[in-house]
Amino acid sequence: GHLGAVNAVTALDETMILTASRDRTVKLWDALNGNEENTKSAACLRTYVDHKNEVTCVTHCHDGKTFLTGSRDLKIKMWNITSVSLPPSLQAVMEEHQ
């Protein structure tokens, strides 16, 4: 799981969940298919890492392919759900929110 507290959660559908954390990451979870040792826990499918401070919010886009995150590093990032190796395709510095 996360190494810090979870700040935000959004459900992509009935089984897939994204969580944003103080550990500067976002994780994609399969809520129905946990690991073999513990059928009550969700399976982490991907971890998204690029923010320089805790991730405070996450929301999915209606296209089902992308999601947005906001962080205390003052950046908004758009991610591709299926890939963690590509850098975020959108970054906007939120200078007015400092």
PDB file of N, CA and C in Angstrom:
ATOM      1  N   GLY A   1       0.802  -1.182   0.000  1.00  0.00           N
ATOM      2  CA  GLY A   1       0.000   0.000   0.000  1.00  0.00           C
ATOM      3  C   GLY A   1       0.857   1.262   0.000  1.00  0.00           C
ATOM      4  N   HIS A   2       0.254   2.332   0.387  1.00  0.00           N
ATOM      5  CA  HIS A   2       0.946   3.618   0.465  1.00  0.00           C
ATOM      6  C   HIS A   2       1.845   3.676   1.705  1.00  0.00           C
ATOM      7  N   LEU A   3       2.875   4.505   1.638  1.00  0.00           N
ATOM      8  CA  LEU A   3       3.770   4.722   2.769  1.00  0.00           C
ATOM      9  C   LEU A   3       3.345   5.924   3.605  1.00  0.00           C
ATOM     10  N   GLY A   4       2.314   6.616   3.166  1.00  0.00           N
ATOM     11  CA  GLY A   4       1.766   7.766   3.880  1.00  0.00           C
ATOM     12  C   GLY A   4       0.255   7.701   3.873  1.00  0.00           C
ATOM     13  N   ALA A   5      -0.358   8.632   4.561  1.00  0.00           N
ATOM     14  CA  ALA A   5      -1.817   8.678   4.625  1.00  0.00           C
ATOM     15  C   ALA A   5      -2.415   8.912   3.241  1.00  0.00           C
ATOM     16  N   VAL A   6      -3.592   8.367   3.030  1.00  0.00           N
ATOM     17  CA  VAL A   6      -4.325   8.574   1.782  1.00  0.00           C
ATOM     18  C   VAL A   6      -5.130   9.860   1.899  1.00  0.00           C
ATOM     19  N   ASN A   7      -4.927  10.776   0.949  1.00  0.00           N
ATOM     20  CA  ASN A   7      -5.605  12.070   0.942  1.00  0.00           C
ATOM     21  C   ASN A   7      -6.883  12.082   0.123  1.00  0.00           C
ATOM     22  N   ALA A   8      -6.946  11.249  -0.922  1.00  0.00           N
ATOM     23  CA  ALA A   8      -8.106  11.281  -1.820  1.00  0.00           C
ATOM     24  C   ALA A   8      -8.287   9.942  -2.511  1.00  0.00           C
ATOM     25  N   VAL A   9      -9.543   9.665  -2.867  1.00  0.00           N
ATOM     26  CA  VAL A   9      -9.905   8.416  -3.544  1.00  0.00           C
ATOM     27  C   VAL A   9     -10.919   8.745  -4.632  1.00  0.00           C
ATOM     28  N   THR A  10     -10.800   8.074  -5.783  1.00  0.00           N
ATOM     29  CA  THR A  10     -11.831   8.166  -6.813  1.00  0.00           C
ATOM     30  C   THR A  10     -12.015   6.781  -7.432  1.00  0.00           C
ATOM     31  N   ALA A  11     -13.250   6.438  -7.737  1.00  0.00           N
ATOM     32  CA  ALA A  11     -13.560   5.150  -8.359  1.00  0.00           C
ATOM     33  C   ALA A  11     -13.704   5.332  -9.862  1.00  0.00           C
ATOM     34  N   LEU A  12     -12.979   4.515 -10.617  1.00  0.00           N
ATOM     35  CA  LEU A  12     -13.082   4.545 -12.079  1.00  0.00           C
ATOM     36  C   LEU A  12     -14.324   3.795 -12.542  1.00  0.00           C
ATOM     37  N   ASP A  13     -14.628   2.712 -11.842  1.00  0.00           N
ATOM     38  CA  ASP A  13     -15.813   1.903 -12.121  1.00  0.00           C
ATOM     39  C   ASP A  13     -16.107   1.082 -10.866  1.00  0.00           C
ATOM     40  N   GLU A  14     -16.797  -0.034 -11.014  1.00  0.00           N
ATOM     41  CA  GLU A  14     -17.177  -0.836  -9.856  1.00  0.00           C
ATOM     42  C   GLU A  14     -15.996  -1.522  -9.179  1.00  0.00           C
ATOM     43  N   THR A  15     -14.874  -1.673  -9.889  1.00  0.00           N
ATOM     44  CA  THR A  15     -13.751  -2.423  -9.325  1.00  0.00           C
ATOM     45  C   THR A  15     -12.446  -1.630  -9.233  1.00  0.00           C
ATOM     46  N   MET A  16     -12.232  -0.661 -10.100  1.00  0.00           N
ATOM     47  CA  MET A  16     -10.960   0.054 -10.158  1.00  0.00           C
ATOM     48  C   MET A  16     -11.005   1.355  -9.368  1.00  0.00           C
ATOM     49  N   ILE A  17      -9.998   1.558  -8.522  1.00  0.00           N
ATOM     50  CA  ILE A  17      -9.945   2.719  -7.637  1.00  0.00           C
ATOM     51  C   ILE A  17      -8.572   3.372  -7.744  1.00  0.00           C
ATOM     52  N   LEU A  18      -8.538   4.709  -7.731  1.00  0.00           N
ATOM     53  CA  LEU A  18      -7.289   5.470  -7.649  1.00  0.00           C
ATOM     54  C   LEU A  18      -7.212   6.120  -6.278  1.00  0.00           C
ATOM     55  N   THR A  19      -6.023   6.062  -5.664  1.00  0.00           N
ATOM     56  CA  THR A  19      -5.801   6.710  -4.376  1.00  0.00           C
ATOM     57  C   THR A  19      -4.606   7.657  -4.477  1.00  0.00           C
ATOM     58  N   ALA A  20      -4.723   8.811  -3.841  1.00  0.00           N
ATOM     59  CA  ALA A  20      -3.657   9.814  -3.804  1.00  0.00           C
ATOM     60  C   ALA A  20      -3.147   9.900  -2.370  1.00  0.00           C
ATOM     61  N   SER A  21      -1.814  10.030  -2.213  1.00  0.00           N
ATOM     62  CA  SER A  21      -1.248   9.904  -0.875  1.00  0.00           C
ATOM     63  C   SER A  21      -0.216  10.969  -0.531  1.00  0.00           C
ATOM     64  N   ARG A  22       0.024  11.080   0.774  1.00  0.00           N
ATOM     65  CA  ARG A  22       1.101  11.933   1.284  1.00  0.00           C
ATOM     66  C   ARG A  22       2.474  11.430   0.865  1.00  0.00           C
ATOM     67  N   ASP A  23       2.560  10.165   0.453  1.00  0.00           N
ATOM     68  CA  ASP A  23       3.851   9.612   0.037  1.00  0.00           C
ATOM     69  C   ASP A  23       4.254  10.039  -1.375  1.00  0.00           C
ATOM     70  N   ARG A  24       3.508  11.002  -1.951  1.00  0.00           N
ATOM     71  CA  ARG A  24       3.782  11.590  -3.270  1.00  0.00           C
ATOM     72  C   ARG A  24       3.405  10.692  -4.440  1.00  0.00           C
ATOM     73  N   THR A  25       2.632   9.649  -4.191  1.00  0.00           N
ATOM     74  CA  THR A  25       2.264   8.721  -5.251  1.00  0.00           C
ATOM     75  C   THR A  25       0.749   8.632  -5.406  1.00  0.00           C
ATOM     76  N   VAL A  26       0.358   8.088  -6.558  1.00  0.00           N
ATOM     77  CA  VAL A  26      -1.026   7.700  -6.822  1.00  0.00           C
ATOM     78  C   VAL A  26      -0.976   6.227  -7.180  1.00  0.00           C
ATOM     79  N   LYS A  27      -1.928   5.472  -6.666  1.00  0.00           N
ATOM     80  CA  LYS A  27      -1.964   4.038  -6.961  1.00  0.00           C
ATOM     81  C   LYS A  27      -3.297   3.666  -7.576  1.00  0.00           C
ATOM     82  N   LEU A  28      -3.238   2.718  -8.534  1.00  0.00           N
ATOM     83  CA  LEU A  28      -4.419   2.144  -9.160  1.00  0.00           C
ATOM     84  C   LEU A  28      -4.651   0.774  -8.530  1.00  0.00           C
ATOM     85  N   TRP A  29      -5.866   0.574  -8.016  1.00  0.00           N
ATOM     86  CA  TRP A  29      -6.203  -0.657  -7.303  1.00  0.00           C
ATOM     87  C   TRP A  29      -7.329  -1.411  -7.993  1.00  0.00           C
ATOM     88  N   ASP A  30      -7.245  -2.729  -7.947  1.00  0.00           N
ATOM     89  CA  ASP A  30      -8.343  -3.604  -8.339  1.00  0.00           C
ATOM     90  C   ASP A  30      -8.991  -4.067  -7.035  1.00  0.00           C
ATOM     91  N   ALA A  31     -10.137  -3.517  -6.710  1.00  0.00           N
ATOM     92  CA  ALA A  31     -10.771  -3.769  -5.418  1.00  0.00           C
ATOM     93  C   ALA A  31     -11.335  -5.178  -5.282  1.00  0.00           C
ATOM     94  N   LEU A  32     -11.598  -5.851  -6.387  1.00  0.00           N
ATOM     95  CA  LEU A  32     -12.192  -7.188  -6.315  1.00  0.00           C
ATOM     96  C   LEU A  32     -11.172  -8.314  -6.297  1.00  0.00           C
ATOM     97  N   ASN A  33     -10.012  -8.094  -6.826  1.00  0.00           N
ATOM     98  CA  ASN A  33      -9.019  -9.161  -6.956  1.00  0.00           C
ATOM     99  C   ASN A  33      -7.806  -8.885  -6.092  1.00  0.00           C
ATOM    100  N   GLY A  34      -7.905  -9.247  -4.820  1.00  0.00           N
ATOM    101  CA  GLY A  34      -6.790  -9.075  -3.896  1.00  0.00           C
ATOM    102  C   GLY A  34      -5.728 -10.125  -4.120  1.00  0.00           C
ATOM    103  N   ASN A  35      -4.690 -10.066  -3.304  1.00  0.00           N
ATOM    104  CA  ASN A  35      -3.625 -11.065  -3.440  1.00  0.00           C
ATOM    105  C   ASN A  35      -4.096 -12.397  -2.858  1.00  0.00           C
ATOM    106  N   GLU A  36      -3.346 -13.452  -3.142  1.00  0.00           N
ATOM    107  CA  GLU A  36      -3.764 -14.793  -2.741  1.00  0.00           C
ATOM    108  C   GLU A  36      -3.761 -14.989  -1.228  1.00  0.00           C
ATOM    109  N   GLU A  37      -2.828 -14.336  -0.507  1.00  0.00           N
ATOM    110  CA  GLU A  37      -2.757 -14.503   0.941  1.00  0.00           C
ATOM    111  C   GLU A  37      -3.915 -13.811   1.652  1.00  0.00           C
ATOM    112  N   ASN A  38      -4.377 -12.707   1.107  1.00  0.00           N
ATOM    113  CA  ASN A  38      -5.419 -11.939   1.781  1.00  0.00           C
ATOM    114  C   ASN A  38      -6.481 -11.536   0.771  1.00  0.00           C
ATOM    115  N   THR A  39      -7.535 -12.290   0.687  1.00  0.00           N
ATOM    116  CA  THR A  39      -8.576 -12.021  -0.304  1.00  0.00           C
ATOM    117  C   THR A  39      -9.390 -10.781   0.028  1.00  0.00           C
ATOM    118  N   LYS A  40      -9.195 -10.209   1.232  1.00  0.00           N
ATOM    119  CA  LYS A  40      -9.924  -9.010   1.604  1.00  0.00           C
ATOM    120  C   LYS A  40      -9.182  -7.735   1.219  1.00  0.00           C
ATOM    121  N   SER A  41      -7.957  -7.841   0.732  1.00  0.00           N
ATOM    122  CA  SER A  41      -7.232  -6.633   0.350  1.00  0.00           C
ATOM    123  C   SER A  41      -7.270  -6.461  -1.165  1.00  0.00           C
ATOM    124  N   ALA A  42      -7.215  -5.209  -1.590  1.00  0.00           N
ATOM    125  CA  ALA A  42      -7.209  -4.902  -3.019  1.00  0.00           C
ATOM    126  C   ALA A  42      -5.820  -5.144  -3.598  1.00  0.00           C
ATOM    127  N   ALA A  43      -5.760  -5.376  -4.890  1.00  0.00           N
ATOM    128  CA  ALA A  43      -4.486  -5.571  -5.573  1.00  0.00           C
ATOM    129  C   ALA A  43      -4.040  -4.256  -6.197  1.00  0.00           C
ATOM    130  N   CYS A  44      -2.817  -3.830  -5.889  1.00  0.00           N
ATOM    131  CA  CYS A  44      -2.252  -2.633  -6.507  1.00  0.00           C
ATOM    132  C   CYS A  44      -1.742  -2.999  -7.897  1.00  0.00           C
ATOM    133  N   LEU A  45      -2.295  -2.347  -8.915  1.00  0.00           N
ATOM    134  CA  LEU A  45      -1.917  -2.647 -10.296  1.00  0.00           C
ATOM    135  C   LEU A  45      -0.803  -1.753 -10.809  1.00  0.00           C
ATOM    136  N   ARG A  46      -0.796  -0.476 -10.387  1.00  0.00           N
ATOM    137  CA  ARG A  46       0.211   0.482 -10.856  1.00  0.00           C
ATOM    138  C   ARG A  46       0.449   1.541  -9.791  1.00  0.00           C
ATOM    139  N   THR A  47       1.656   2.087  -9.818  1.00  0.00           N
ATOM    140  CA  THR A  47       1.997   3.225  -8.969  1.00  0.00           C
ATOM    141  C   THR A  47       2.525   4.334  -9.857  1.00  0.00           C
ATOM    142  N   TYR A  48       1.960   5.522  -9.726  1.00  0.00           N
ATOM    143  CA  TYR A  48       2.331   6.686 -10.528  1.00  0.00           C
ATOM    144  C   TYR A  48       3.150   7.623  -9.652  1.00  0.00           C
ATOM    145  N   VAL A  49       4.367   7.947 -10.111  1.00  0.00           N
ATOM    146  CA  VAL A  49       5.290   8.773  -9.326  1.00  0.00           C
ATOM    147  C   VAL A  49       5.816   9.912 -10.192  1.00  0.00           C
ATOM    148  N   ASP A  50       5.601  11.144  -9.771  1.00  0.00           N
ATOM    149  CA  ASP A  50       6.212  12.290 -10.432  1.00  0.00           C
ATOM    150  C   ASP A  50       6.073  13.565  -9.606  1.00  0.00           C
ATOM    151  N   HIS A  51       5.121  13.617  -8.678  1.00  0.00           N
ATOM    152  CA  HIS A  51       4.955  14.814  -7.860  1.00  0.00           C
ATOM    153  C   HIS A  51       6.110  14.943  -6.868  1.00  0.00           C
ATOM    154  N   LYS A  52       6.449  16.177  -6.531  1.00  0.00           N
ATOM    155  CA  LYS A  52       7.554  16.466  -5.614  1.00  0.00           C
ATOM    156  C   LYS A  52       7.088  16.692  -4.180  1.00  0.00           C
ATOM    157  N   ASN A  53       5.765  16.653  -3.954  1.00  0.00           N
ATOM    158  CA  ASN A  53       5.205  16.811  -2.627  1.00  0.00           C
ATOM    159  C   ASN A  53       3.945  15.947  -2.567  1.00  0.00           C
ATOM    160  N   GLU A  54       3.283  15.918  -1.426  1.00  0.00           N
ATOM    161  CA  GLU A  54       2.132  15.034  -1.274  1.00  0.00           C
ATOM    162  C   GLU A  54       1.050  15.328  -2.306  1.00  0.00           C
ATOM    163  N   VAL A  55       0.398  14.279  -2.756  1.00  0.00           N
ATOM    164  CA  VAL A  55      -0.694  14.386  -3.718  1.00  0.00           C
ATOM    165  C   VAL A  55      -1.983  14.571  -2.917  1.00  0.00           C
ATOM    166  N   THR A  56      -2.659  15.684  -3.148  1.00  0.00           N
ATOM    167  CA  THR A  56      -3.811  16.033  -2.317  1.00  0.00           C
ATOM    168  C   THR A  56      -5.160  15.692  -2.947  1.00  0.00           C
ATOM    169  N   CYS A  57      -5.184  15.526  -4.274  1.00  0.00           N
ATOM    170  CA  CYS A  57      -6.461  15.202  -4.917  1.00  0.00           C
ATOM    171  C   CYS A  57      -6.228  14.403  -6.190  1.00  0.00           C
ATOM    172  N   VAL A  58      -7.244  13.628  -6.549  1.00  0.00           N
ATOM    173  CA  VAL A  58      -7.217  12.823  -7.766  1.00  0.00           C
ATOM    174  C   VAL A  58      -8.640  12.717  -8.295  1.00  0.00           C
ATOM    175  N   THR A  59      -8.797  12.803  -9.610  1.00  0.00           N
ATOM    176  CA  THR A  59     -10.101  12.612 -10.238  1.00  0.00           C
ATOM    177  C   THR A  59      -9.895  11.972 -11.607  1.00  0.00           C
ATOM    178  N   HIS A  60     -10.830  11.147 -11.997  1.00  0.00           N
ATOM    179  CA  HIS A  60     -10.713  10.498 -13.302  1.00  0.00           C
ATOM    180  C   HIS A  60     -11.456  11.303 -14.359  1.00  0.00           C
ATOM    181  N   CYS A  61     -11.000  11.180 -15.591  1.00  0.00           N
ATOM    182  CA  CYS A  61     -11.659  11.840 -16.722  1.00  0.00           C
ATOM    183  C   CYS A  61     -12.687  10.880 -17.315  1.00  0.00           C
ATOM    184  N   HIS A  62     -13.687  11.429 -17.951  1.00  0.00           N
ATOM    185  CA  HIS A  62     -14.778  10.610 -18.483  1.00  0.00           C
ATOM    186  C   HIS A  62     -14.367   9.762 -19.679  1.00  0.00           C
ATOM    187  N   ASP A  63     -13.187  10.027 -20.245  1.00  0.00           N
ATOM    188  CA  ASP A  63     -12.738   9.209 -21.370  1.00  0.00           C
ATOM    189  C   ASP A  63     -12.292   7.820 -20.923  1.00  0.00           C
ATOM    190  N   GLY A  64     -12.122   7.609 -19.609  1.00  0.00           N
ATOM    191  CA  GLY A  64     -11.708   6.316 -19.090  1.00  0.00           C
ATOM    192  C   GLY A  64     -10.243   5.998 -19.302  1.00  0.00           C
ATOM    193  N   LYS A  65      -9.487   6.920 -19.877  1.00  0.00           N
ATOM    194  CA  LYS A  65      -8.078   6.684 -20.190  1.00  0.00           C
ATOM    195  C   LYS A  65      -7.129   7.562 -19.389  1.00  0.00           C
ATOM    196  N   THR A  66      -7.631   8.638 -18.829  1.00  0.00           N
ATOM    197  CA  THR A  66      -6.764   9.592 -18.147  1.00  0.00           C
ATOM    198  C   THR A  66      -7.344   9.986 -16.788  1.00  0.00           C
ATOM    199  N   PHE A  67      -6.448  10.518 -15.936  1.00  0.00           N
ATOM    200  CA  PHE A  67      -6.885  11.076 -14.667  1.00  0.00           C
ATOM    201  C   PHE A  67      -6.005  12.262 -14.321  1.00  0.00           C
ATOM    202  N   LEU A  68      -6.501  13.113 -13.439  1.00  0.00           N
ATOM    203  CA  LEU A  68      -5.799  14.325 -13.024  1.00  0.00           C
ATOM    204  C   LEU A  68      -5.430  14.239 -11.553  1.00  0.00           C
ATOM    205  N   THR A  69      -4.256  14.796 -11.217  1.00  0.00           N
ATOM    206  CA  THR A  69      -3.840  14.877  -9.820  1.00  0.00           C
ATOM    207  C   THR A  69      -3.431  16.306  -9.498  1.00  0.00           C
ATOM    208  N   GLY A  70      -3.593  16.658  -8.237  1.00  0.00           N
ATOM    209  CA  GLY A  70      -3.117  17.938  -7.729  1.00  0.00           C
ATOM    210  C   GLY A  70      -2.250  17.672  -6.518  1.00  0.00           C
ATOM    211  N   SER A  71      -1.223  18.509  -6.337  1.00  0.00           N
ATOM    212  CA  SER A  71      -0.253  18.257  -5.284  1.00  0.00           C
ATOM    213  C   SER A  71       0.154  19.545  -4.578  1.00  0.00           C
ATOM    214  N   ARG A  72       0.726  19.389  -3.405  1.00  0.00           N
ATOM    215  CA  ARG A  72       1.289  20.524  -2.675  1.00  0.00           C
ATOM    216  C   ARG A  72       2.556  21.056  -3.352  1.00  0.00           C
ATOM    217  N   ASP A  73       3.013  20.405  -4.430  1.00  0.00           N
ATOM    218  CA  ASP A  73       4.117  20.960  -5.222  1.00  0.00           C
ATOM    219  C   ASP A  73       3.612  22.025  -6.191  1.00  0.00           C
ATOM    220  N   LEU A  74       2.322  22.359  -6.087  1.00  0.00           N
ATOM    221  CA  LEU A  74       1.661  23.406  -6.871  1.00  0.00           C
ATOM    222  C   LEU A  74       1.515  23.044  -8.344  1.00  0.00           C
ATOM    223  N   LYS A  75       1.395  21.742  -8.631  1.00  0.00           N
ATOM    224  CA  LYS A  75       1.220  21.308 -10.019  1.00  0.00           C
ATOM    225  C   LYS A  75       0.000  20.421 -10.152  1.00  0.00           C
ATOM    226  N   ILE A  76      -0.645  20.558 -11.301  1.00  0.00           N
ATOM    227  CA  ILE A  76      -1.711  19.659 -11.724  1.00  0.00           C
ATOM    228  C   ILE A  76      -1.112  18.802 -12.828  1.00  0.00           C
ATOM    229  N   LYS A  77      -1.367  17.501 -12.764  1.00  0.00           N
ATOM    230  CA  LYS A  77      -0.812  16.617 -13.788  1.00  0.00           C
ATOM    231  C   LYS A  77      -1.907  15.734 -14.364  1.00  0.00           C
ATOM    232  N   MET A  78      -1.812  15.496 -15.673  1.00  0.00           N
ATOM    233  CA  MET A  78      -2.716  14.580 -16.344  1.00  0.00           C
ATOM    234  C   MET A  78      -1.928  13.321 -16.684  1.00  0.00           C
ATOM    235  N   TRP A  79      -2.473  12.185 -16.301  1.00  0.00           N
ATOM    236  CA  TRP A  79      -1.802  10.902 -16.461  1.00  0.00           C
ATOM    237  C   TRP A  79      -2.591   9.994 -17.391  1.00  0.00           C
ATOM    238  N   ASN A  80      -1.870   9.096 -18.054  1.00  0.00           N
ATOM    239  CA  ASN A  80      -2.480   8.030 -18.827  1.00  0.00           C
ATOM    240  C   ASN A  80      -2.634   6.843 -17.878  1.00  0.00           C
ATOM    241  N   ILE A  81      -3.832   6.324 -17.707  1.00  0.00           N
ATOM    242  CA  ILE A  81      -4.074   5.231 -16.761  1.00  0.00           C
ATOM    243  C   ILE A  81      -3.266   3.989 -17.098  1.00  0.00           C
ATOM    244  N   THR A  82      -3.060   3.720 -18.368  1.00  0.00           N
ATOM    245  CA  THR A  82      -2.413   2.464 -18.761  1.00  0.00           C
ATOM    246  C   THR A  82      -0.894   2.497 -18.742  1.00  0.00           C
ATOM    247  N   SER A  83      -0.284   3.643 -18.487  1.00  0.00           N
ATOM    248  CA  SER A  83       1.179   3.726 -18.549  1.00  0.00           C
ATOM    249  C   SER A  83       1.725   4.543 -17.390  1.00  0.00           C
ATOM    250  N   VAL A  84       2.754   4.009 -16.730  1.00  0.00           N
ATOM    251  CA  VAL A  84       3.431   4.773 -15.685  1.00  0.00           C
ATOM    252  C   VAL A  84       4.789   5.272 -16.158  1.00  0.00           C
ATOM    253  N   SER A  85       5.241   4.794 -17.316  1.00  0.00           N
ATOM    254  CA  SER A  85       6.575   5.162 -17.786  1.00  0.00           C
ATOM    255  C   SER A  85       6.616   6.506 -18.505  1.00  0.00           C
ATOM    256  N   LEU A  86       5.481   6.966 -19.001  1.00  0.00           N
ATOM    257  CA  LEU A  86       5.443   8.241 -19.706  1.00  0.00           C
ATOM    258  C   LEU A  86       5.277   9.378 -18.714  1.00  0.00           C
ATOM    259  N   PRO A  87       5.921  10.511 -18.961  1.00  0.00           N
ATOM    260  CA  PRO A  87       5.702  11.658 -18.079  1.00  0.00           C
ATOM    261  C   PRO A  87       4.283  12.180 -18.260  1.00  0.00           C
ATOM    262  N   PRO A  88       3.762  12.888 -17.265  1.00  0.00           N
ATOM    263  CA  PRO A  88       2.427  13.471 -17.406  1.00  0.00           C
ATOM    264  C   PRO A  88       2.343  14.358 -18.640  1.00  0.00           C
ATOM    265  N   SER A  89       1.205  14.322 -19.292  1.00  0.00           N
ATOM    266  CA  SER A  89       1.060  15.084 -20.536  1.00  0.00           C
ATOM    267  C   SER A  89       0.630  16.523 -20.296  1.00  0.00           C
ATOM    268  N   LEU A  90       0.255  16.863 -19.074  1.00  0.00           N
ATOM    269  CA  LEU A  90      -0.168  18.227 -18.773  1.00  0.00           C
ATOM    270  C   LEU A  90       0.367  18.623 -17.409  1.00  0.00           C
ATOM    271  N   GLN A  91       1.010  19.777 -17.345  1.00  0.00           N
ATOM    272  CA  GLN A  91       1.433  20.306 -16.062  1.00  0.00           C
ATOM    273  C   GLN A  91       1.098  21.789 -16.042  1.00  0.00           C
ATOM    274  N   ALA A  92       0.493  22.211 -14.992  1.00  0.00           N
ATOM    275  CA  ALA A  92       0.163  23.622 -14.852  1.00  0.00           C
ATOM    276  C   ALA A  92       0.582  24.076 -13.466  1.00  0.00           C
ATOM    277  N   VAL A  93       1.445  25.052 -13.407  1.00  0.00           N
ATOM    278  CA  VAL A  93       1.853  25.590 -12.125  1.00  0.00           C
ATOM    279  C   VAL A  93       0.744  26.497 -11.607  1.00  0.00           C
ATOM    280  N   MET A  94       0.345  26.254 -10.374  1.00  0.00           N
ATOM    281  CA  MET A  94      -0.758  26.998  -9.795  1.00  0.00           C
ATOM    282  C   MET A  94      -0.197  28.103  -8.902  1.00  0.00           C
ATOM    283  N   GLU A  95       0.465  29.065  -9.497  1.00  0.00           N
ATOM    284  CA  GLU A  95       1.120  30.114  -8.743  1.00  0.00           C
ATOM    285  C   GLU A  95       0.145  30.949  -7.937  1.00  0.00           C
ATOM    286  N   GLU A  96      -1.065  31.109  -8.413  1.00  0.00           N
ATOM    287  CA  GLU A  96      -2.057  31.921  -7.719  1.00  0.00           C
ATOM    288  C   GLU A  96      -2.523  31.271  -6.419  1.00  0.00           C
ATOM    289  N   HIS A  97      -2.230  29.987  -6.226  1.00  0.00           N
ATOM    290  CA  HIS A  97      -2.683  29.285  -5.036  1.00  0.00           C
ATOM    291  C   HIS A  97      -1.634  29.216  -3.938  1.00  0.00           C
ATOM    292  N   GLN A  98      -0.514  29.870  -4.094  1.00  0.00           N
ATOM    293  CA  GLN A  98       0.542  29.818  -3.098  1.00  0.00           C
ATOM    294  C   GLN A  98       0.170  30.567  -1.847  1.00  0.00           C
TER     295      GLN A  98
END
